[in-house]
Amino acid sequence: MVFQKLKQELPGVKAKVALKNYTTYKIGGPAKYFFIAKSKIDLISALGAAKKFKLPVFILGGGSNLLISEKGFNGLVIKIDILNIDFQGKKVFVGAGANITKFAYLSADMGLSGVEWAAGVPGTVGGSIYGNAQAFGTKISDMLKSVEAINIKTLEVKNFSREECQFSLKNSIFKKDKNLIIISAVFEFEEKVPEHIKNQIREFLRYRSTKHPMDFPSAGSTFVNPEIKIKNKKLLEKFPELIEYNEKGAIPAGYLIQKSGIQGKKKGKAQISEKHANFIINLGGAKASEVMALINLAKKKVKKNFGILLVPEVQFVGFSKK
């Protein structure tokens, strides 16, 4: 009965949709209800319907940095498919659902530099802002001017300046406040020779193909690189690379996992990648519980060996809170 009423309120909504088809992990149970929002109006309509029928809401972007349990999501999943990328001089107006790699290539074609680091990343612009994505020394927030977002509870739409977004390491106000949903963003880039930008993109793609396990489904980096300095003299003697990481101000999570001796470890069809230890890959048919077991193992081992508690970069959906 609820589905029929919901369908009248929200044409295009579907029931029991397998979420594994919408994640880069290729893992995840069903959404009770599923809707694709292709515009701001669609998004407002979906949130209004969820509010009317008192349904929990989960916002889905490109499906990266995400692990969904076999239970799925018992509510309305709204996939953001607001895809516009509009260039006006050095400014670019981008929908939250726009693919970040496509954004990088189009910007390069226009001779605009600032997002080439994102080429090869499977996520969306909205998801990248949500987690303040970064690579090769550049963050999505570096060139950001403003973000348009809607509050789930009030349905109020507001523009946030870069400062109001409260960006920090892999974090933002949108990650802290689950009621805020990103609709679109405005960037301002530097003008450079298009071919120079494209050469930089090619270098970044070469690095990713050699260092990252691109042949298997994953959620991307599993953990945030800890911005911690190791002071323990025994650890510095045993692992001299830590001296260099201390100077840089961050320790690669993959290094900590590798030195904890669990790189290549398997649980069912999930594996801590032999190519890059901060990636947990799906060898084919992996369960979310198997991935979670490896995440917990990595946290336990790194805590034991280095005294550091790794913070997951991955978002978890459908798991019981302990």
C-alpha atoms as a PDB file:
ATOM      1  CA  MET A   1       0.000   0.000   0.000  1.00  0.00           C
ATOM      2  CA  VAL A   2       2.784   2.434   0.916  1.00  0.00           C
ATOM      3  CA  PHE A   3       4.542   1.791  -2.401  1.00  0.00           C
ATOM      4  CA  GLN A   4       1.403   2.560  -4.428  1.00  0.00           C
ATOM      5  CA  LYS A   5       0.853   5.811  -2.543  1.00  0.00           C
ATOM      6  CA  LEU A   6       4.534   6.668  -2.855  1.00  0.00           C
ATOM      7  CA  LYS A   7       4.380   6.010  -6.591  1.00  0.00           C
ATOM      8  CA  GLN A   8       1.470   8.424  -6.959  1.00  0.00           C
ATOM      9  CA  GLU A   9       3.480  11.055  -5.117  1.00  0.00           C
ATOM     10  CA  LEU A  10       6.761  10.200  -6.846  1.00  0.00           C
ATOM     11  CA  PRO A  11       6.368   8.771 -10.375  1.00  0.00           C
ATOM     12  CA  GLY A  12       9.452   6.781 -11.363  1.00  0.00           C
ATOM     13  CA  VAL A  13      10.118   5.337  -7.922  1.00  0.00           C
ATOM     14  CA  LYS A  14      10.933   1.615  -7.880  1.00  0.00           C
ATOM     15  CA  ALA A  15      10.835  -1.084  -5.206  1.00  0.00           C
ATOM     16  CA  LYS A  16      13.451  -3.670  -4.193  1.00  0.00           C
ATOM     17  CA  VAL A  17      16.311  -2.443  -6.372  1.00  0.00           C
ATOM     18  CA  ALA A  18      19.686  -4.214  -5.973  1.00  0.00           C
ATOM     19  CA  LEU A  19      22.165  -1.589  -4.784  1.00  0.00           C
ATOM     20  CA  LYS A  20      25.196  -3.664  -5.782  1.00  0.00           C
ATOM     21  CA  ASN A  21      24.518  -2.506  -9.347  1.00  0.00           C
ATOM     22  CA  TYR A  22      25.074   1.094  -8.243  1.00  0.00           C
ATOM     23  CA  THR A  23      28.307   0.745  -6.247  1.00  0.00           C
ATOM     24  CA  THR A  24      31.915   0.444  -7.394  1.00  0.00           C
ATOM     25  CA  TYR A  25      32.311  -2.464  -4.940  1.00  0.00           C
ATOM     26  CA  LYS A  26      29.545  -4.431  -6.712  1.00  0.00           C
ATOM     27  CA  ILE A  27      28.322  -5.335  -3.221  1.00  0.00           C
ATOM     28  CA  GLY A  28      25.056  -4.508  -1.459  1.00  0.00           C
ATOM     29  CA  GLY A  29      21.522  -5.674  -0.770  1.00  0.00           C
ATOM     30  CA  PRO A  30      18.272  -4.100  -1.975  1.00  0.00           C
ATOM     31  CA  ALA A  31      16.853  -0.637  -1.459  1.00  0.00           C
ATOM     32  CA  LYS A  32      13.264  -0.864  -0.244  1.00  0.00           C
ATOM     33  CA  TYR A  33      12.497   2.084  -2.553  1.00  0.00           C
ATOM     34  CA  PHE A  34      14.757   3.628  -5.181  1.00  0.00           C
ATOM     35  CA  PHE A  35      14.463   6.891  -7.123  1.00  0.00           C
ATOM     36  CA  ILE A  36      16.745   8.673  -9.600  1.00  0.00           C
ATOM     37  CA  ALA A  37      16.714  12.477  -9.229  1.00  0.00           C
ATOM     38  CA  LYS A  38      17.729  14.113 -12.506  1.00  0.00           C
ATOM     39  CA  SER A  39      17.101  17.696 -11.395  1.00  0.00           C
ATOM     40  CA  LYS A  40      16.782  19.892  -8.328  1.00  0.00           C
ATOM     41  CA  ILE A  41      12.983  19.655  -8.658  1.00  0.00           C
ATOM     42  CA  ASP A  42      13.192  15.836  -8.700  1.00  0.00           C
ATOM     43  CA  LEU A  43      15.322  15.903  -5.565  1.00  0.00           C
ATOM     44  CA  ILE A  44      12.965  18.246  -3.715  1.00  0.00           C
ATOM     45  CA  SER A  45       9.985  16.080  -4.748  1.00  0.00           C
ATOM     46  CA  ALA A  46      11.697  12.899  -3.529  1.00  0.00           C
ATOM     47  CA  LEU A  47      12.671  14.418  -0.191  1.00  0.00           C
ATOM     48  CA  GLY A  48       9.157  15.783   0.231  1.00  0.00           C
ATOM     49  CA  ALA A  49       7.665  12.333  -0.437  1.00  0.00           C
ATOM     50  CA  ALA A  50      10.070  10.707   2.016  1.00  0.00           C
ATOM     51  CA  LYS A  51       9.096  13.241   4.633  1.00  0.00           C
ATOM     52  CA  LYS A  52       5.381  12.677   3.995  1.00  0.00           C
ATOM     53  CA  PHE A  53       5.665   8.889   4.339  1.00  0.00           C
ATOM     54  CA  LYS A  54       8.263   9.093   7.139  1.00  0.00           C
ATOM     55  CA  LEU A  55      10.859   7.127   5.190  1.00  0.00           C
ATOM     56  CA  PRO A  56      14.577   7.081   6.036  1.00  0.00           C
ATOM     57  CA  VAL A  57      16.597   8.551   3.173  1.00  0.00           C
ATOM     58  CA  PHE A  58      20.005   7.631   1.791  1.00  0.00           C
ATOM     59  CA  ILE A  59      21.614   9.756  -0.915  1.00  0.00           C
ATOM     60  CA  LEU A  60      23.612   7.829  -3.513  1.00  0.00           C
ATOM     61  CA  GLY A  61      26.153   9.394  -5.858  1.00  0.00           C
ATOM     62  CA  GLY A  62      28.633   7.407  -7.930  1.00  0.00           C
ATOM     63  CA  GLY A  63      28.691   4.555  -5.424  1.00  0.00           C
ATOM     64  CA  SER A  64      32.410   4.799  -4.594  1.00  0.00           C
ATOM     65  CA  ASN A  65      33.762   5.075  -1.025  1.00  0.00           C
ATOM     66  CA  LEU A  66      30.716   3.059  -0.016  1.00  0.00           C
ATOM     67  CA  LEU A  67      30.069  -0.376   1.501  1.00  0.00           C
ATOM     68  CA  ILE A  68      26.438  -1.512   1.677  1.00  0.00           C
ATOM     69  CA  SER A  69      25.502  -4.586   3.698  1.00  0.00           C
ATOM     70  CA  GLU A  70      23.526  -7.530   2.338  1.00  0.00           C
ATOM     71  CA  LYS A  71      20.542  -6.150   4.273  1.00  0.00           C
ATOM     72  CA  GLY A  72      20.465  -3.152   1.953  1.00  0.00           C
ATOM     73  CA  PHE A  73      18.590  -0.004   2.980  1.00  0.00           C
ATOM     74  CA  ASN A  74      15.130  -0.057   4.539  1.00  0.00           C
ATOM     75  CA  GLY A  75      13.916   3.263   3.166  1.00  0.00           C
ATOM     76  CA  LEU A  76      14.188   5.505   0.091  1.00  0.00           C
ATOM     77  CA  VAL A  77      17.504   5.603  -1.758  1.00  0.00           C
ATOM     78  CA  ILE A  78      17.777   8.704  -3.940  1.00  0.00           C
ATOM     79  CA  LYS A  79      20.436   8.519  -6.634  1.00  0.00           C
ATOM     80  CA  ILE A  80      21.615  12.000  -7.590  1.00  0.00           C
ATOM     81  CA  ASP A  81      21.797  12.245 -11.389  1.00  0.00           C
ATOM     82  CA  ILE A  82      22.095  16.042 -11.728  1.00  0.00           C
ATOM     83  CA  LEU A  83      24.735  15.993 -14.452  1.00  0.00           C
ATOM     84  CA  ASN A  84      25.135  19.538 -15.824  1.00  0.00           C
ATOM     85  CA  ILE A  85      28.658  20.921 -16.396  1.00  0.00           C
ATOM     86  CA  ASP A  86      28.417  24.530 -17.589  1.00  0.00           C
ATOM     87  CA  PHE A  87      31.478  26.678 -18.375  1.00  0.00           C
ATOM     88  CA  GLN A  88      31.385  30.469 -18.012  1.00  0.00           C
ATOM     89  CA  GLY A  89      34.892  31.825 -18.444  1.00  0.00           C
ATOM     90  CA  LYS A  90      37.049  30.493 -15.619  1.00  0.00           C
ATOM     91  CA  LYS A  91      33.963  29.563 -13.595  1.00  0.00           C
ATOM     92  CA  VAL A  92      32.260  26.169 -13.892  1.00  0.00           C
ATOM     93  CA  PHE A  93      28.760  25.327 -12.623  1.00  0.00           C
ATOM     94  CA  VAL A  94      28.485  21.600 -11.929  1.00  0.00           C
ATOM     95  CA  GLY A  95      25.663  19.276 -10.840  1.00  0.00           C
ATOM     96  CA  ALA A  96      26.335  17.021  -7.855  1.00  0.00           C
ATOM     97  CA  GLY A  97      25.855  13.868  -9.940  1.00  0.00           C
ATOM     98  CA  ALA A  98      28.406  14.797 -12.618  1.00  0.00           C
ATOM     99  CA  ASN A  99      31.180  12.227 -12.987  1.00  0.00           C
ATOM    100  CA  ILE A 100      34.414  13.681 -11.587  1.00  0.00           C
ATOM    101  CA  THR A 101      36.573  12.102 -14.321  1.00  0.00           C
ATOM    102  CA  LYS A 102      34.380  13.562 -17.077  1.00  0.00           C
ATOM    103  CA  PHE A 103      34.600  16.917 -15.284  1.00  0.00           C
ATOM    104  CA  ALA A 104      38.413  16.678 -15.348  1.00  0.00           C
ATOM    105  CA  TYR A 105      38.543  15.927 -19.083  1.00  0.00           C
ATOM    106  CA  LEU A 106      36.048  18.633 -20.081  1.00  0.00           C
ATOM    107  CA  SER A 107      37.897  21.189 -17.968  1.00  0.00           C
ATOM    108  CA  ALA A 108      41.156  20.214 -19.677  1.00  0.00           C
ATOM    109  CA  ASP A 109      39.529  20.714 -23.090  1.00  0.00           C
ATOM    110  CA  MET A 110      38.569  24.230 -21.983  1.00  0.00           C
ATOM    111  CA  GLY A 111      42.107  24.987 -20.782  1.00  0.00           C
ATOM    112  CA  LEU A 112      41.060  25.087 -17.139  1.00  0.00           C
ATOM    113  CA  SER A 113      43.369  23.560 -14.519  1.00  0.00           C
ATOM    114  CA  GLY A 114      42.488  22.448 -11.003  1.00  0.00           C
ATOM    115  CA  VAL A 115      40.727  19.098 -11.202  1.00  0.00           C
ATOM    116  CA  GLU A 116      43.109  16.993 -13.338  1.00  0.00           C
ATOM    117  CA  TRP A 117      44.073  14.989 -10.207  1.00  0.00           C
ATOM    118  CA  ALA A 118      40.582  13.453 -10.302  1.00  0.00           C
ATOM    119  CA  ALA A 119      40.928  11.781 -13.706  1.00  0.00           C
ATOM    120  CA  GLY A 120      40.346   8.061 -13.269  1.00  0.00           C
ATOM    121  CA  VAL A 121      38.322   8.498 -10.076  1.00  0.00           C
ATOM    122  CA  PRO A 122      34.888   6.787 -10.377  1.00  0.00           C
ATOM    123  CA  GLY A 123      32.960   9.109  -8.051  1.00  0.00           C
ATOM    124  CA  THR A 124      30.817  12.203  -8.539  1.00  0.00           C
ATOM    125  CA  VAL A 125      31.457  15.885  -7.929  1.00  0.00           C
ATOM    126  CA  GLY A 126      28.971  15.858  -5.036  1.00  0.00           C
ATOM    127  CA  GLY A 127      30.621  12.844  -3.427  1.00  0.00           C
ATOM    128  CA  SER A 128      34.064  14.411  -3.842  1.00  0.00           C
ATOM    129  CA  ILE A 129      32.910  17.586  -2.080  1.00  0.00           C
ATOM    130  CA  TYR A 130      31.199  15.534   0.662  1.00  0.00           C
ATOM    131  CA  GLY A 131      34.488  13.823   1.563  1.00  0.00           C
ATOM    132  CA  ASN A 132      36.816  16.649   0.433  1.00  0.00           C
ATOM    133  CA  ALA A 133      38.482  14.220  -1.974  1.00  0.00           C
ATOM    134  CA  GLN A 134      42.143  14.760  -2.749  1.00  0.00           C
ATOM    135  CA  ALA A 135      45.082  13.288  -4.603  1.00  0.00           C
ATOM    136  CA  PHE A 136      48.570  14.321  -5.694  1.00  0.00           C
ATOM    137  CA  GLY A 137      48.624  17.265  -3.288  1.00  0.00           C
ATOM    138  CA  THR A 138      45.386  18.864  -4.503  1.00  0.00           C
ATOM    139  CA  LYS A 139      41.942  18.862  -2.877  1.00  0.00           C
ATOM    140  CA  ILE A 140      38.506  19.353  -4.441  1.00  0.00           C
ATOM    141  CA  SER A 141      38.028  22.291  -2.055  1.00  0.00           C
ATOM    142  CA  ASP A 142      41.072  24.196  -3.398  1.00  0.00           C
ATOM    143  CA  MET A 143      39.212  25.610  -6.398  1.00  0.00           C
ATOM    144  CA  LEU A 144      35.697  25.564  -4.974  1.00  0.00           C
ATOM    145  CA  LYS A 145      33.761  28.835  -4.698  1.00  0.00           C
ATOM    146  CA  SER A 146      30.362  27.728  -3.359  1.00  0.00           C
ATOM    147  CA  VAL A 147      28.021  24.772  -2.866  1.00  0.00           C
ATOM    148  CA  GLU A 148      24.241  24.632  -3.192  1.00  0.00           C
ATOM    149  CA  ALA A 149      22.605  22.189  -0.768  1.00  0.00           C
ATOM    150  CA  ILE A 150      19.186  21.275   0.585  1.00  0.00           C
ATOM    151  CA  ASN A 151      18.209  20.409   4.144  1.00  0.00           C
ATOM    152  CA  ILE A 152      16.305  17.088   4.321  1.00  0.00           C
ATOM    153  CA  LYS A 153      14.203  18.161   7.291  1.00  0.00           C
ATOM    154  CA  THR A 154      13.224  21.689   6.242  1.00  0.00           C
ATOM    155  CA  LEU A 155      13.606  21.329   2.425  1.00  0.00           C
ATOM    156  CA  GLU A 156      15.357  24.712   2.551  1.00  0.00           C
ATOM    157  CA  VAL A 157      17.907  25.316  -0.220  1.00  0.00           C
ATOM    158  CA  LYS A 158      21.017  27.274   0.768  1.00  0.00           C
ATOM    159  CA  ASN A 159      24.295  28.349  -0.822  1.00  0.00           C
ATOM    160  CA  PHE A 160      27.424  27.664   1.225  1.00  0.00           C
ATOM    161  CA  SER A 161      30.623  29.623   0.698  1.00  0.00           C
ATOM    162  CA  ARG A 162      33.897  27.709   0.701  1.00  0.00           C
ATOM    163  CA  GLU A 163      34.499  28.765   4.310  1.00  0.00           C
ATOM    164  CA  GLU A 164      31.004  27.666   5.371  1.00  0.00           C
ATOM    165  CA  CYS A 165      31.700  24.187   3.967  1.00  0.00           C
ATOM    166  CA  GLN A 166      34.112  23.635   6.891  1.00  0.00           C
ATOM    167  CA  PHE A 167      36.578  21.552   4.895  1.00  0.00           C
ATOM    168  CA  SER A 168      39.223  19.498   6.690  1.00  0.00           C
ATOM    169  CA  LEU A 169      41.039  16.211   6.013  1.00  0.00           C
ATOM    170  CA  LYS A 170      38.564  14.085   4.001  1.00  0.00           C
ATOM    171  CA  ASN A 171      35.722  15.952   5.707  1.00  0.00           C
ATOM    172  CA  SER A 172      33.173  18.749   5.291  1.00  0.00           C
ATOM    173  CA  ILE A 173      30.014  20.149   6.857  1.00  0.00           C
ATOM    174  CA  PHE A 174      28.054  17.869   4.512  1.00  0.00           C
ATOM    175  CA  LYS A 175      29.715  14.790   5.979  1.00  0.00           C
ATOM    176  CA  LYS A 176      29.166  16.027   9.537  1.00  0.00           C
ATOM    177  CA  ASP A 177      25.539  17.095   9.046  1.00  0.00           C
ATOM    178  CA  LYS A 178      23.641  14.233   7.380  1.00  0.00           C
ATOM    179  CA  ASN A 179      20.629  16.522   6.807  1.00  0.00           C
ATOM    180  CA  LEU A 180      22.503  18.511   4.150  1.00  0.00           C
ATOM    181  CA  ILE A 181      22.378  17.164   0.586  1.00  0.00           C
ATOM    182  CA  ILE A 182      24.598  18.671  -2.116  1.00  0.00           C
ATOM    183  CA  ILE A 183      22.784  19.785  -5.281  1.00  0.00           C
ATOM    184  CA  SER A 184      25.460  21.628  -7.244  1.00  0.00           C
ATOM    185  CA  ALA A 185      28.705  23.577  -6.944  1.00  0.00           C
ATOM    186  CA  VAL A 186      30.634  26.446  -8.493  1.00  0.00           C
ATOM    187  CA  PHE A 187      34.378  26.260  -9.187  1.00  0.00           C
ATOM    188  CA  GLU A 188      36.893  28.793 -10.445  1.00  0.00           C
ATOM    189  CA  PHE A 189      39.962  27.384 -12.187  1.00  0.00           C
ATOM    190  CA  GLU A 190      43.288  28.619 -13.531  1.00  0.00           C
ATOM    191  CA  GLU A 191      43.759  28.987 -17.279  1.00  0.00           C
ATOM    192  CA  LYS A 192      46.549  26.906 -18.783  1.00  0.00           C
ATOM    193  CA  VAL A 193      47.473  25.381 -22.146  1.00  0.00           C
ATOM    194  CA  PRO A 194      45.058  22.450 -22.696  1.00  0.00           C
ATOM    195  CA  GLU A 195      47.793  20.082 -23.833  1.00  0.00           C
ATOM    196  CA  HIS A 196      49.824  20.760 -20.668  1.00  0.00           C
ATOM    197  CA  ILE A 197      46.793  19.889 -18.550  1.00  0.00           C
ATOM    198  CA  LYS A 198      46.170  16.718 -20.548  1.00  0.00           C
ATOM    199  CA  ASN A 199      49.809  15.654 -20.132  1.00  0.00           C
ATOM    200  CA  GLN A 200      49.378  16.001 -16.378  1.00  0.00           C
ATOM    201  CA  ILE A 201      46.211  13.884 -16.529  1.00  0.00           C
ATOM    202  CA  ARG A 202      48.090  11.186 -18.458  1.00  0.00           C
ATOM    203  CA  GLU A 203      50.817  11.127 -15.780  1.00  0.00           C
ATOM    204  CA  PHE A 204      48.250  10.748 -12.998  1.00  0.00           C
ATOM    205  CA  LEU A 205      46.469   7.962 -14.878  1.00  0.00           C
ATOM    206  CA  ARG A 206      49.794   6.163 -15.433  1.00  0.00           C
ATOM    207  CA  TYR A 207      50.504   6.330 -11.713  1.00  0.00           C
ATOM    208  CA  ARG A 208      47.058   4.972 -10.812  1.00  0.00           C
ATOM    209  CA  SER A 209      47.335   2.098 -13.309  1.00  0.00           C
ATOM    210  CA  THR A 210      50.693   0.995 -11.886  1.00  0.00           C
ATOM    211  CA  LYS A 211      50.028   1.564  -8.161  1.00  0.00           C
ATOM    212  CA  HIS A 212      46.298   0.902  -7.704  1.00  0.00           C
ATOM    213  CA  PRO A 213      44.373  -2.382  -8.188  1.00  0.00           C
ATOM    214  CA  MET A 214      42.229  -1.172 -11.080  1.00  0.00           C
ATOM    215  CA  ASP A 215      41.336  -4.707 -12.265  1.00  0.00           C
ATOM    216  CA  PHE A 216      39.014  -5.494  -9.332  1.00  0.00           C
ATOM    217  CA  PRO A 217      35.992  -3.736  -7.837  1.00  0.00           C
ATOM    218  CA  SER A 218      36.752  -1.686  -4.734  1.00  0.00           C
ATOM    219  CA  ALA A 219      35.546   1.386  -2.884  1.00  0.00           C
ATOM    220  CA  GLY A 220      38.839   3.197  -3.484  1.00  0.00           C
ATOM    221  CA  SER A 221      41.044   4.027  -0.498  1.00  0.00           C
ATOM    222  CA  THR A 222      39.705   2.266   2.579  1.00  0.00           C
ATOM    223  CA  PHE A 223      41.299   4.458   5.259  1.00  0.00           C
ATOM    224  CA  VAL A 224      42.301   8.099   5.640  1.00  0.00           C
ATOM    225  CA  ASN A 225      46.069   8.627   5.790  1.00  0.00           C
ATOM    226  CA  PRO A 226      46.717   9.554   9.472  1.00  0.00           C
ATOM    227  CA  GLU A 227      48.091  13.064   9.968  1.00  0.00           C
ATOM    228  CA  ILE A 228      50.143  11.896  12.927  1.00  0.00           C
ATOM    229  CA  LYS A 229      53.812  12.091  13.905  1.00  0.00           C
ATOM    230  CA  ILE A 230      55.386   8.958  15.376  1.00  0.00           C
ATOM    231  CA  LYS A 231      57.558   9.753  18.414  1.00  0.00           C
ATOM    232  CA  ASN A 232      58.232   6.200  19.598  1.00  0.00           C
ATOM    233  CA  LYS A 233      62.009   5.700  19.153  1.00  0.00           C
ATOM    234  CA  LYS A 234      61.743   1.922  18.802  1.00  0.00           C
ATOM    235  CA  LEU A 235      59.246   2.303  15.962  1.00  0.00           C
ATOM    236  CA  LEU A 236      61.423   4.939  14.244  1.00  0.00           C
ATOM    237  CA  GLU A 237      64.408   2.600  14.431  1.00  0.00           C
ATOM    238  CA  LYS A 238      62.437  -0.393  13.178  1.00  0.00           C
ATOM    239  CA  PHE A 239      60.678   1.567  10.416  1.00  0.00           C
ATOM    240  CA  PRO A 240      63.033   4.399   9.291  1.00  0.00           C
ATOM    241  CA  GLU A 241      60.530   5.455   6.573  1.00  0.00           C
ATOM    242  CA  LEU A 242      58.445   6.915   9.396  1.00  0.00           C
ATOM    243  CA  ILE A 243      61.004   9.715   9.779  1.00  0.00           C
ATOM    244  CA  GLU A 244      60.219  10.877   6.230  1.00  0.00           C
ATOM    245  CA  TYR A 245      56.466  10.570   6.829  1.00  0.00           C
ATOM    246  CA  ASN A 246      56.844  12.585  10.046  1.00  0.00           C
ATOM    247  CA  GLU A 247      58.369  15.396   7.990  1.00  0.00           C
ATOM    248  CA  LYS A 248      55.552  15.219   5.450  1.00  0.00           C
ATOM    249  CA  GLY A 249      52.926  15.306   8.204  1.00  0.00           C
ATOM    250  CA  ALA A 250      50.980  12.210   7.131  1.00  0.00           C
ATOM    251  CA  ILE A 251      51.583   8.447   7.112  1.00  0.00           C
ATOM    252  CA  PRO A 252      50.130   6.396   4.232  1.00  0.00           C
ATOM    253  CA  ALA A 253      47.538   3.997   5.637  1.00  0.00           C
ATOM    254  CA  GLY A 254      48.662   1.434   3.071  1.00  0.00           C
ATOM    255  CA  TYR A 255      52.185   1.529   4.505  1.00  0.00           C
ATOM    256  CA  LEU A 256      50.902   0.901   8.048  1.00  0.00           C
ATOM    257  CA  ILE A 257      48.769  -2.038   6.869  1.00  0.00           C
ATOM    258  CA  GLN A 258      51.595  -3.509   4.801  1.00  0.00           C
ATOM    259  CA  LYS A 259      54.089  -3.276   7.688  1.00  0.00           C
ATOM    260  CA  SER A 260      51.499  -4.918   9.942  1.00  0.00           C
ATOM    261  CA  GLY A 261      51.937  -8.030   7.805  1.00  0.00           C
ATOM    262  CA  ILE A 262      48.437  -8.463   6.429  1.00  0.00           C
ATOM    263  CA  GLN A 263      48.793  -7.271   2.832  1.00  0.00           C
ATOM    264  CA  GLY A 264      47.248  -9.933   0.587  1.00  0.00           C
ATOM    265  CA  LYS A 265      45.114 -11.322   3.427  1.00  0.00           C
ATOM    266  CA  LYS A 266      41.821 -12.835   2.236  1.00  0.00           C
ATOM    267  CA  LYS A 267      38.427 -13.317   3.819  1.00  0.00           C
ATOM    268  CA  GLY A 268      36.135 -15.258   1.523  1.00  0.00           C
ATOM    269  CA  LYS A 269      36.161 -13.395  -1.802  1.00  0.00           C
ATOM    270  CA  ALA A 270      37.491 -10.143  -0.315  1.00  0.00           C
ATOM    271  CA  GLN A 271      41.206  -9.339  -0.157  1.00  0.00           C
ATOM    272  CA  ILE A 272      43.561  -6.638   1.100  1.00  0.00           C
ATOM    273  CA  SER A 273      45.133  -5.833  -2.247  1.00  0.00           C
ATOM    274  CA  GLU A 274      48.642  -7.120  -2.923  1.00  0.00           C
ATOM    275  CA  LYS A 275      49.174  -4.072  -5.143  1.00  0.00           C
ATOM    276  CA  HIS A 276      48.120  -1.395  -2.618  1.00  0.00           C
ATOM    277  CA  ALA A 277      47.327  -2.313   0.987  1.00  0.00           C
ATOM    278  CA  ASN A 278      44.848   0.567   1.467  1.00  0.00           C
ATOM    279  CA  PHE A 279      42.523  -1.055  -1.071  1.00  0.00           C
ATOM    280  CA  ILE A 280      40.264  -3.956  -0.118  1.00  0.00           C
ATOM    281  CA  ILE A 281      39.125  -5.581  -3.344  1.00  0.00           C
ATOM    282  CA  ASN A 282      36.232  -7.774  -4.421  1.00  0.00           C
ATOM    283  CA  LEU A 283      37.718 -10.840  -6.119  1.00  0.00           C
ATOM    284  CA  GLY A 284      34.239 -11.766  -7.368  1.00  0.00           C
ATOM    285  CA  GLY A 285      31.169 -12.395  -5.256  1.00  0.00           C
ATOM    286  CA  ALA A 286      32.560 -10.926  -2.032  1.00  0.00           C
ATOM    287  CA  LYS A 287      30.128 -10.215   0.798  1.00  0.00           C
ATOM    288  CA  ALA A 288      30.008  -6.946   2.710  1.00  0.00           C
ATOM    289  CA  SER A 289      30.646  -8.887   5.922  1.00  0.00           C
ATOM    290  CA  GLU A 290      33.902 -10.244   4.450  1.00  0.00           C
ATOM    291  CA  VAL A 291      35.083  -6.756   3.538  1.00  0.00           C
ATOM    292  CA  MET A 292      34.119  -5.517   6.998  1.00  0.00           C
ATOM    293  CA  ALA A 293      36.106  -8.332   8.598  1.00  0.00           C
ATOM    294  CA  LEU A 294      39.240  -7.192   6.742  1.00  0.00           C
ATOM    295  CA  ILE A 295      38.594  -3.560   7.685  1.00  0.00           C
ATOM    296  CA  ASN A 296      38.388  -4.542  11.352  1.00  0.00           C
ATOM    297  CA  LEU A 297      41.501  -6.718  11.032  1.00  0.00           C
ATOM    298  CA  ALA A 298      43.495  -3.824   9.541  1.00  0.00           C
ATOM    299  CA  LYS A 299      42.354  -1.478  12.314  1.00  0.00           C
ATOM    300  CA  LYS A 300      43.277  -4.020  14.993  1.00  0.00           C
ATOM    301  CA  LYS A 301      46.729  -4.844  13.589  1.00  0.00           C
ATOM    302  CA  VAL A 302      47.755  -1.219  12.941  1.00  0.00           C
ATOM    303  CA  LYS A 303      46.590  -0.207  16.416  1.00  0.00           C
ATOM    304  CA  LYS A 304      48.628  -3.035  17.938  1.00  0.00           C
ATOM    305  CA  ASN A 305      51.790  -2.388  15.904  1.00  0.00           C
ATOM    306  CA  PHE A 306      51.831   1.405  15.661  1.00  0.00           C
ATOM    307  CA  GLY A 307      49.373   2.669  18.279  1.00  0.00           C
ATOM    308  CA  ILE A 308      47.338   4.367  15.538  1.00  0.00           C
ATOM    309  CA  LEU A 309      43.586   3.939  15.101  1.00  0.00           C
ATOM    310  CA  LEU A 310      42.841   4.019  11.390  1.00  0.00           C
ATOM    311  CA  VAL A 311      39.758   6.027  10.382  1.00  0.00           C
ATOM    312  CA  PRO A 312      37.736   4.540   7.494  1.00  0.00           C
ATOM    313  CA  GLU A 313      37.237   6.727   4.461  1.00  0.00           C
ATOM    314  CA  VAL A 314      34.497   4.355   3.336  1.00  0.00           C
ATOM    315  CA  GLN A 315      30.878   5.102   4.280  1.00  0.00           C
ATOM    316  CA  PHE A 316      28.886   2.171   5.723  1.00  0.00           C
ATOM    317  CA  VAL A 317      25.197   1.542   5.042  1.00  0.00           C
ATOM    318  CA  GLY A 318      22.954  -1.136   6.553  1.00  0.00           C
ATOM    319  CA  PHE A 319      25.283  -2.274   9.322  1.00  0.00           C
ATOM    320  CA  SER A 320      24.261  -2.569  12.961  1.00  0.00           C
ATOM    321  CA  LYS A 321      25.791   0.103  15.176  1.00  0.00           C
ATOM    322  CA  LYS A 322      27.847  -1.367  17.990  1.00  0.00           C
END
